[in-house]
Amino acid sequence: MPTSINTIKHKLDSHLGDTLTVVAQAGRKKITKRHGVLKETFPAVFVVDLDQDKNNFEHVSYSYTDLLTKNIELEFDDEEAEEAEA
């Protein structure tokens, strides 16, 4: 688990353009999953372009602190493929 915001940002920079699933805590005992593409990273936030077939809006942004505090989790599709091959 990355322990700093800079580490998280650098890891996400290496995944720009990759497809991913964002698993977010949406309240008590409720989670939401959104599928999209990691579009951009900024100093404090990153932007995910969502699949238009499944979502009502085009983009969503999250803070790196959301990852650090485990309010959200990212599952990259290419990492799942690598794990399946191993």
PDB file of N, CA and C in Angstrom:
ATOM      1  N   MET A   1       0.852  -1.191   0.000  1.00  0.00           N
ATOM      2  CA  MET A   1       0.000   0.000   0.000  1.00  0.00           C
ATOM      3  C   MET A   1       0.891   1.245   0.000  1.00  0.00           C
ATOM      4  N   PRO A   2       0.692   2.132  -0.981  1.00  0.00           N
ATOM      5  CA  PRO A   2       1.465   3.381  -0.987  1.00  0.00           C
ATOM      6  C   PRO A   2       1.176   4.191   0.271  1.00  0.00           C
ATOM      7  N   THR A   3       2.216   4.812   0.804  1.00  0.00           N
ATOM      8  CA  THR A   3       2.048   5.504   2.074  1.00  0.00           C
ATOM      9  C   THR A   3       2.072   7.016   1.949  1.00  0.00           C
ATOM     10  N   SER A   4       2.235   7.547   0.741  1.00  0.00           N
ATOM     11  CA  SER A   4       2.225   8.999   0.591  1.00  0.00           C
ATOM     12  C   SER A   4       1.452   9.391  -0.670  1.00  0.00           C
ATOM     13  N   ILE A   5       0.992  10.609  -0.671  1.00  0.00           N
ATOM     14  CA  ILE A   5       0.233  11.113  -1.822  1.00  0.00           C
ATOM     15  C   ILE A   5       1.116  11.156  -3.064  1.00  0.00           C
ATOM     16  N   ASN A   6       2.394  11.525  -2.919  1.00  0.00           N
ATOM     17  CA  ASN A   6       3.305  11.550  -4.065  1.00  0.00           C
ATOM     18  C   ASN A   6       3.489  10.163  -4.669  1.00  0.00           C
ATOM     19  N   THR A   7       3.594   9.153  -3.826  1.00  0.00           N
ATOM     20  CA  THR A   7       3.728   7.782  -4.308  1.00  0.00           C
ATOM     21  C   THR A   7       2.484   7.356  -5.084  1.00  0.00           C
ATOM     22  N   ILE A   8       1.312   7.693  -4.561  1.00  0.00           N
ATOM     23  CA  ILE A   8       0.059   7.361  -5.235  1.00  0.00           C
ATOM     24  C   ILE A   8      -0.015   8.058  -6.582  1.00  0.00           C
ATOM     25  N   LYS A   9       0.326   9.343  -6.638  1.00  0.00           N
ATOM     26  CA  LYS A   9       0.268  10.102  -7.885  1.00  0.00           C
ATOM     27  C   LYS A   9       1.208   9.515  -8.928  1.00  0.00           C
ATOM     28  N   HIS A  10       2.428   9.163  -8.535  1.00  0.00           N
ATOM     29  CA  HIS A  10       3.389   8.591  -9.482  1.00  0.00           C
ATOM     30  C   HIS A  10       2.911   7.242 -10.013  1.00  0.00           C
ATOM     31  N   LYS A  11       2.286   6.446  -9.151  1.00  0.00           N
ATOM     32  CA  LYS A  11       1.753   5.158  -9.597  1.00  0.00           C
ATOM     33  C   LYS A  11       0.622   5.372 -10.604  1.00  0.00           C
ATOM     34  N   LEU A  12      -0.261   6.331 -10.320  1.00  0.00           N
ATOM     35  CA  LEU A  12      -1.366   6.602 -11.246  1.00  0.00           C
ATOM     36  C   LEU A  12      -0.858   7.195 -12.554  1.00  0.00           C
ATOM     37  N   ASP A  13       0.208   8.005 -12.502  1.00  0.00           N
ATOM     38  CA  ASP A  13       0.788   8.555 -13.733  1.00  0.00           C
ATOM     39  C   ASP A  13       1.212   7.447 -14.684  1.00  0.00           C
ATOM     40  N   SER A  14       1.674   6.332 -14.141  1.00  0.00           N
ATOM     41  CA  SER A  14       2.105   5.219 -14.990  1.00  0.00           C
ATOM     42  C   SER A  14       0.927   4.452 -15.585  1.00  0.00           C
ATOM     43  N   HIS A  15      -0.294   4.709 -15.096  1.00  0.00           N
ATOM     44  CA  HIS A  15      -1.488   4.023 -15.590  1.00  0.00           C
ATOM     45  C   HIS A  15      -2.390   4.925 -16.436  1.00  0.00           C
ATOM     46  N   LEU A  16      -1.926   6.098 -16.830  1.00  0.00           N
ATOM     47  CA  LEU A  16      -2.759   6.995 -17.640  1.00  0.00           C
ATOM     48  C   LEU A  16      -3.215   6.286 -18.903  1.00  0.00           C
ATOM     49  N   GLY A  17      -4.510   6.392 -19.207  1.00  0.00           N
ATOM     50  CA  GLY A  17      -5.081   5.759 -20.389  1.00  0.00           C
ATOM     51  C   GLY A  17      -5.546   4.333 -20.171  1.00  0.00           C
ATOM     52  N   ASP A  18      -5.286   3.762 -19.001  1.00  0.00           N
ATOM     53  CA  ASP A  18      -5.691   2.388 -18.695  1.00  0.00           C
ATOM     54  C   ASP A  18      -7.143   2.355 -18.236  1.00  0.00           C
ATOM     55  N   THR A  19      -7.819   1.239 -18.522  1.00  0.00           N
ATOM     56  CA  THR A  19      -9.178   1.058 -18.035  1.00  0.00           C
ATOM     57  C   THR A  19      -9.126   0.547 -16.603  1.00  0.00           C
ATOM     58  N   LEU A  20     -10.122   0.961 -15.824  1.00  0.00           N
ATOM     59  CA  LEU A  20     -10.145   0.603 -14.416  1.00  0.00           C
ATOM     60  C   LEU A  20     -11.566   0.596 -13.891  1.00  0.00           C
ATOM     61  N   THR A  21     -11.716   0.019 -12.710  1.00  0.00           N
ATOM     62  CA  THR A  21     -12.970   0.053 -11.977  1.00  0.00           C
ATOM     63  C   THR A  21     -12.707   0.752 -10.655  1.00  0.00           C
ATOM     64  N   VAL A  22     -13.548   1.747 -10.348  1.00  0.00           N
ATOM     65  CA  VAL A  22     -13.440   2.480  -9.091  1.00  0.00           C
ATOM     66  C   VAL A  22     -14.505   1.926  -8.149  1.00  0.00           C
ATOM     67  N   VAL A  23     -14.071   1.407  -7.016  1.00  0.00           N
ATOM     68  CA  VAL A  23     -14.979   0.895  -6.000  1.00  0.00           C
ATOM     69  C   VAL A  23     -14.984   1.915  -4.871  1.00  0.00           C
ATOM     70  N   ALA A  24     -16.139   2.566  -4.671  1.00  0.00           N
ATOM     71  CA  ALA A  24     -16.229   3.655  -3.699  1.00  0.00           C
ATOM     72  C   ALA A  24     -17.243   3.332  -2.607  1.00  0.00           C
ATOM     73  N   GLN A  25     -16.916   3.755  -1.399  1.00  0.00           N
ATOM     74  CA  GLN A  25     -17.844   3.637  -0.286  1.00  0.00           C
ATOM     75  C   GLN A  25     -18.905   4.723  -0.448  1.00  0.00           C
ATOM     76  N   ALA A  26     -20.163   4.321  -0.573  1.00  0.00           N
ATOM     77  CA  ALA A  26     -21.241   5.277  -0.813  1.00  0.00           C
ATOM     78  C   ALA A  26     -22.123   5.469   0.411  1.00  0.00           C
ATOM     79  N   GLY A  27     -21.695   4.989   1.525  1.00  0.00           N
ATOM     80  CA  GLY A  27     -22.486   5.137   2.733  1.00  0.00           C
ATOM     81  C   GLY A  27     -22.424   3.860   3.539  1.00  0.00           C
ATOM     82  N   ARG A  28     -23.337   3.743   4.461  1.00  0.00           N
ATOM     83  CA  ARG A  28     -23.352   2.569   5.326  1.00  0.00           C
ATOM     84  C   ARG A  28     -23.649   1.311   4.540  1.00  0.00           C
ATOM     85  N   LYS A  29     -22.707   0.394   4.548  1.00  0.00           N
ATOM     86  CA  LYS A  29     -22.860  -0.913   3.912  1.00  0.00           C
ATOM     87  C   LYS A  29     -23.229  -0.812   2.435  1.00  0.00           C
ATOM     88  N   LYS A  30     -22.832   0.257   1.777  1.00  0.00           N
ATOM     89  CA  LYS A  30     -23.172   0.432   0.370  1.00  0.00           C
ATOM     90  C   LYS A  30     -21.923   0.846  -0.395  1.00  0.00           C
ATOM     91  N   ILE A  31     -21.674   0.174  -1.513  1.00  0.00           N
ATOM     92  CA  ILE A  31     -20.548   0.535  -2.361  1.00  0.00           C
ATOM     93  C   ILE A  31     -21.051   0.760  -3.781  1.00  0.00           C
ATOM     94  N   THR A  32     -20.330   1.584  -4.528  1.00  0.00           N
ATOM     95  CA  THR A  32     -20.633   1.793  -5.933  1.00  0.00           C
ATOM     96  C   THR A  32     -19.407   1.411  -6.749  1.00  0.00           C
ATOM     97  N   LYS A  33     -19.655   0.823  -7.909  1.00  0.00           N
ATOM     98  CA  LYS A  33     -18.578   0.471  -8.829  1.00  0.00           C
ATOM     99  C   LYS A  33     -18.804   1.227 -10.122  1.00  0.00           C
ATOM    100  N   ARG A  34     -17.752   1.910 -10.568  1.00  0.00           N
ATOM    101  CA  ARG A  34     -17.820   2.655 -11.828  1.00  0.00           C
ATOM    102  C   ARG A  34     -16.644   2.234 -12.690  1.00  0.00           C
ATOM    103  N   HIS A  35     -16.926   1.971 -13.957  1.00  0.00           N
ATOM    104  CA  HIS A  35     -15.899   1.529 -14.887  1.00  0.00           C
ATOM    105  C   HIS A  35     -15.567   2.670 -15.838  1.00  0.00           C
ATOM    106  N   GLY A  36     -14.286   2.872 -16.108  1.00  0.00           N
ATOM    107  CA  GLY A  36     -13.883   3.946 -17.001  1.00  0.00           C
ATOM    108  C   GLY A  36     -12.401   3.890 -17.328  1.00  0.00           C
ATOM    109  N   VAL A  37     -11.873   5.034 -17.784  1.00  0.00           N
ATOM    110  CA  VAL A  37     -10.480   5.167 -18.193  1.00  0.00           C
ATOM    111  C   VAL A  37      -9.843   6.282 -17.379  1.00  0.00           C
ATOM    112  N   LEU A  38      -8.645   6.020 -16.844  1.00  0.00           N
ATOM    113  CA  LEU A  38      -7.901   7.051 -16.121  1.00  0.00           C
ATOM    114  C   LEU A  38      -7.431   8.086 -17.130  1.00  0.00           C
ATOM    115  N   LYS A  39      -8.004   9.286 -17.063  1.00  0.00           N
ATOM    116  CA  LYS A  39      -7.771  10.300 -18.082  1.00  0.00           C
ATOM    117  C   LYS A  39      -6.620  11.244 -17.747  1.00  0.00           C
ATOM    118  N   GLU A  40      -6.639  11.846 -16.546  1.00  0.00           N
ATOM    119  CA  GLU A  40      -5.638  12.855 -16.187  1.00  0.00           C
ATOM    120  C   GLU A  40      -5.335  12.808 -14.702  1.00  0.00           C
ATOM    121  N   THR A  41      -4.108  13.224 -14.374  1.00  0.00           N
ATOM    122  CA  THR A  41      -3.753  13.404 -12.970  1.00  0.00           C
ATOM    123  C   THR A  41      -3.337  14.852 -12.763  1.00  0.00           C
ATOM    124  N   PHE A  42      -3.740  15.398 -11.643  1.00  0.00           N
ATOM    125  CA  PHE A  42      -3.411  16.763 -11.253  1.00  0.00           C
ATOM    126  C   PHE A  42      -2.718  16.696  -9.899  1.00  0.00           C
ATOM    127  N   PRO A  43      -2.207  17.824  -9.383  1.00  0.00           N
ATOM    128  CA  PRO A  43      -1.495  17.775  -8.093  1.00  0.00           C
ATOM    129  C   PRO A  43      -2.318  17.221  -6.929  1.00  0.00           C
ATOM    130  N   ALA A  44      -3.626  17.436  -6.909  1.00  0.00           N
ATOM    131  CA  ALA A  44      -4.423  16.981  -5.769  1.00  0.00           C
ATOM    132  C   ALA A  44      -5.491  15.958  -6.129  1.00  0.00           C
ATOM    133  N   VAL A  45      -5.860  15.847  -7.412  1.00  0.00           N
ATOM    134  CA  VAL A  45      -6.944  14.952  -7.828  1.00  0.00           C
ATOM    135  C   VAL A  45      -6.574  14.230  -9.119  1.00  0.00           C
ATOM    136  N   PHE A  46      -7.358  13.180  -9.425  1.00  0.00           N
ATOM    137  CA  PHE A  46      -7.244  12.514 -10.715  1.00  0.00           C
ATOM    138  C   PHE A  46      -8.634  12.369 -11.315  1.00  0.00           C
ATOM    139  N   VAL A  47      -8.704  12.278 -12.651  1.00  0.00           N
ATOM    140  CA  VAL A  47      -9.972  12.279 -13.367  1.00  0.00           C
ATOM    141  C   VAL A  47     -10.147  10.949 -14.092  1.00  0.00           C
ATOM    142  N   VAL A  48     -11.357  10.389 -13.978  1.00  0.00           N
ATOM    143  CA  VAL A  48     -11.710   9.150 -14.662  1.00  0.00           C
ATOM    144  C   VAL A  48     -12.846   9.452 -15.635  1.00  0.00           C
ATOM    145  N   ASP A  49     -12.653   9.104 -16.923  1.00  0.00           N
ATOM    146  CA  ASP A  49     -13.729   9.191 -17.908  1.00  0.00           C
ATOM    147  C   ASP A  49     -14.559   7.925 -17.792  1.00  0.00           C
ATOM    148  N   LEU A  50     -15.849   8.072 -17.544  1.00  0.00           N
ATOM    149  CA  LEU A  50     -16.718   6.924 -17.300  1.00  0.00           C
ATOM    150  C   LEU A  50     -17.358   6.411 -18.581  1.00  0.00           C
ATOM    151  N   ASP A  51     -17.750   5.131 -18.569  1.00  0.00           N
ATOM    152  CA  ASP A  51     -18.508   4.548 -19.681  1.00  0.00           C
ATOM    153  C   ASP A  51     -19.872   5.224 -19.730  1.00  0.00           C
ATOM    154  N   GLN A  52     -20.233   5.754 -20.880  1.00  0.00           N
ATOM    155  CA  GLN A  52     -21.499   6.471 -21.000  1.00  0.00           C
ATOM    156  C   GLN A  52     -22.706   5.549 -20.977  1.00  0.00           C
ATOM    157  N   ASP A  53     -22.530   4.272 -21.315  1.00  0.00           N
ATOM    158  CA  ASP A  53     -23.648   3.330 -21.307  1.00  0.00           C
ATOM    159  C   ASP A  53     -24.152   3.049 -19.899  1.00  0.00           C
ATOM    160  N   LYS A  54     -23.262   3.128 -18.918  1.00  0.00           N
ATOM    161  CA  LYS A  54     -23.611   2.724 -17.559  1.00  0.00           C
ATOM    162  C   LYS A  54     -23.754   3.877 -16.580  1.00  0.00           C
ATOM    163  N   ASN A  55     -23.365   5.107 -16.966  1.00  0.00           N
ATOM    164  CA  ASN A  55     -23.360   6.234 -16.035  1.00  0.00           C
ATOM    165  C   ASN A  55     -24.075   7.437 -16.628  1.00  0.00           C
ATOM    166  N   ASN A  56     -24.593   8.295 -15.757  1.00  0.00           N
ATOM    167  CA  ASN A  56     -25.311   9.480 -16.186  1.00  0.00           C
ATOM    168  C   ASN A  56     -24.397  10.661 -16.468  1.00  0.00           C
ATOM    169  N   PHE A  57     -23.132  10.579 -16.087  1.00  0.00           N
ATOM    170  CA  PHE A  57     -22.216  11.694 -16.282  1.00  0.00           C
ATOM    171  C   PHE A  57     -20.922  11.186 -16.909  1.00  0.00           C
ATOM    172  N   GLU A  58     -20.168  12.113 -17.521  1.00  0.00           N
ATOM    173  CA  GLU A  58     -19.005  11.748 -18.315  1.00  0.00           C
ATOM    174  C   GLU A  58     -17.741  11.522 -17.491  1.00  0.00           C
ATOM    175  N   HIS A  59     -17.473  12.405 -16.529  1.00  0.00           N
ATOM    176  CA  HIS A  59     -16.222  12.367 -15.780  1.00  0.00           C
ATOM    177  C   HIS A  59     -16.504  12.346 -14.284  1.00  0.00           C
ATOM    178  N   VAL A  60     -15.553  11.816 -13.556  1.00  0.00           N
ATOM    179  CA  VAL A  60     -15.608  11.892 -12.100  1.00  0.00           C
ATOM    180  C   VAL A  60     -14.169  12.102 -11.617  1.00  0.00           C
ATOM    181  N   SER A  61     -14.019  12.908 -10.580  1.00  0.00           N
ATOM    182  CA  SER A  61     -12.670  13.144 -10.046  1.00  0.00           C
ATOM    183  C   SER A  61     -12.629  12.683  -8.598  1.00  0.00           C
ATOM    184  N   TYR A  62     -11.455  12.203  -8.221  1.00  0.00           N
ATOM    185  CA  TYR A  62     -11.225  11.738  -6.859  1.00  0.00           C
ATOM    186  C   TYR A  62      -9.929  12.343  -6.352  1.00  0.00           C
ATOM    187  N   SER A  63      -9.831  12.466  -5.062  1.00  0.00           N
ATOM    188  CA  SER A  63      -8.618  12.959  -4.424  1.00  0.00           C
ATOM    189  C   SER A  63      -7.694  11.782  -4.120  1.00  0.00           C
ATOM    190  N   TYR A  64      -6.393  12.038  -4.111  1.00  0.00           N
ATOM    191  CA  TYR A  64      -5.441  10.998  -3.735  1.00  0.00           C
ATOM    192  C   TYR A  64      -5.643  10.577  -2.281  1.00  0.00           C
ATOM    193  N   THR A  65      -6.157  11.483  -1.467  1.00  0.00           N
ATOM    194  CA  THR A  65      -6.416  11.128  -0.071  1.00  0.00           C
ATOM    195  C   THR A  65      -7.545  10.098   0.041  1.00  0.00           C
ATOM    196  N   ASP A  66      -8.452  10.059  -0.952  1.00  0.00           N
ATOM    197  CA  ASP A  66      -9.479   9.010  -0.958  1.00  0.00           C
ATOM    198  C   ASP A  66      -8.843   7.627  -1.032  1.00  0.00           C
ATOM    199  N   LEU A  67      -7.787   7.498  -1.831  1.00  0.00           N
ATOM    200  CA  LEU A  67      -7.058   6.226  -1.912  1.00  0.00           C
ATOM    201  C   LEU A  67      -6.273   5.962  -0.631  1.00  0.00           C
ATOM    202  N   LEU A  68      -5.649   6.997  -0.117  1.00  0.00           N
ATOM    203  CA  LEU A  68      -4.825   6.858   1.083  1.00  0.00           C
ATOM    204  C   LEU A  68      -5.653   6.424   2.286  1.00  0.00           C
ATOM    205  N   THR A  69      -6.863   6.963   2.402  1.00  0.00           N
ATOM    206  CA  THR A  69      -7.741   6.629   3.527  1.00  0.00           C
ATOM    207  C   THR A  69      -8.655   5.442   3.230  1.00  0.00           C
ATOM    208  N   LYS A  70      -8.498   4.851   2.043  1.00  0.00           N
ATOM    209  CA  LYS A  70      -9.263   3.668   1.611  1.00  0.00           C
ATOM    210  C   LYS A  70     -10.757   3.936   1.471  1.00  0.00           C
ATOM    211  N   ASN A  71     -11.136   5.181   1.155  1.00  0.00           N
ATOM    212  CA  ASN A  71     -12.532   5.472   0.831  1.00  0.00           C
ATOM    213  C   ASN A  71     -12.883   4.941  -0.547  1.00  0.00           C
ATOM    214  N   ILE A  72     -11.866   4.824  -1.407  1.00  0.00           N
ATOM    215  CA  ILE A  72     -12.052   4.221  -2.719  1.00  0.00           C
ATOM    216  C   ILE A  72     -10.915   3.236  -2.962  1.00  0.00           C
ATOM    217  N   GLU A  73     -11.173   2.306  -3.883  1.00  0.00           N
ATOM    218  CA  GLU A  73     -10.151   1.374  -4.341  1.00  0.00           C
ATOM    219  C   GLU A  73     -10.175   1.381  -5.857  1.00  0.00           C
ATOM    220  N   LEU A  74      -9.000   1.211  -6.462  1.00  0.00           N
ATOM    221  CA  LEU A  74      -8.897   1.146  -7.914  1.00  0.00           C
ATOM    222  C   LEU A  74      -8.490  -0.255  -8.318  1.00  0.00           C
ATOM    223  N   GLU A  75      -9.203  -0.794  -9.309  1.00  0.00           N
ATOM    224  CA  GLU A  75      -8.870  -2.101  -9.860  1.00  0.00           C
ATOM    225  C   GLU A  75      -8.598  -1.907 -11.339  1.00  0.00           C
ATOM    226  N   PHE A  76      -7.317  -1.987 -11.726  1.00  0.00           N
ATOM    227  CA  PHE A  76      -6.953  -1.810 -13.128  1.00  0.00           C
ATOM    228  C   PHE A  76      -7.173  -3.111 -13.874  1.00  0.00           C
ATOM    229  N   ASP A  77      -7.763  -3.023 -15.078  1.00  0.00           N
ATOM    230  CA  ASP A  77      -8.056  -4.213 -15.867  1.00  0.00           C
ATOM    231  C   ASP A  77      -6.790  -4.932 -16.305  1.00  0.00           C
ATOM    232  N   ASP A  78      -5.714  -4.207 -16.598  1.00  0.00           N
ATOM    233  CA  ASP A  78      -4.486  -4.859 -17.038  1.00  0.00           C
ATOM    234  C   ASP A  78      -3.821  -5.640 -15.905  1.00  0.00           C
ATOM    235  N   GLU A  79      -3.996  -5.219 -14.657  1.00  0.00           N
ATOM    236  CA  GLU A  79      -3.444  -5.964 -13.520  1.00  0.00           C
ATOM    237  C   GLU A  79      -4.199  -7.271 -13.330  1.00  0.00           C
ATOM    238  N   GLU A  80      -5.517  -7.254 -13.566  1.00  0.00           N
ATOM    239  CA  GLU A  80      -6.297  -8.491 -13.459  1.00  0.00           C
ATOM    240  C   GLU A  80      -5.876  -9.483 -14.527  1.00  0.00           C
ATOM    241  N   ALA A  81      -5.568  -8.992 -15.728  1.00  0.00           N
ATOM    242  CA  ALA A  81      -5.117  -9.871 -16.813  1.00  0.00           C
ATOM    243  C   ALA A  81      -3.757 -10.478 -16.475  1.00  0.00           C
ATOM    244  N   GLU A  82      -2.857  -9.680 -15.892  1.00  0.00           N
ATOM    245  CA  GLU A  82      -1.543 -10.187 -15.498  1.00  0.00           C
ATOM    246  C   GLU A  82      -1.672 -11.253 -14.415  1.00  0.00           C
ATOM    247  N   GLU A  83      -2.590 -11.064 -13.464  1.00  0.00           N
ATOM    248  CA  GLU A  83      -2.780 -12.048 -12.406  1.00  0.00           C
ATOM    249  C   GLU A  83      -3.363 -13.345 -12.957  1.00  0.00           C
ATOM    250  N   ALA A  84      -4.236 -13.259 -13.972  1.00  0.00           N
ATOM    251  CA  ALA A  84      -4.824 -14.436 -14.581  1.00  0.00           C
ATOM    252  C   ALA A  84      -3.769 -15.241 -15.337  1.00  0.00           C
ATOM    253  N   GLU A  85      -2.783 -14.555 -15.928  1.00  0.00           N
ATOM    254  CA  GLU A  85      -1.748 -15.238 -16.678  1.00  0.00           C
ATOM    255  C   GLU A  85      -0.747 -15.927 -15.759  1.00  0.00           C
ATOM    256  N   ALA A  86      -0.560 -15.441 -14.568  1.00  0.00           N
ATOM    257  CA  ALA A  86       0.454 -15.980 -13.652  1.00  0.00           C
ATOM    258  C   ALA A  86       0.072 -17.327 -13.080  1.00  0.00           C
TER     259      ALA A  86
END
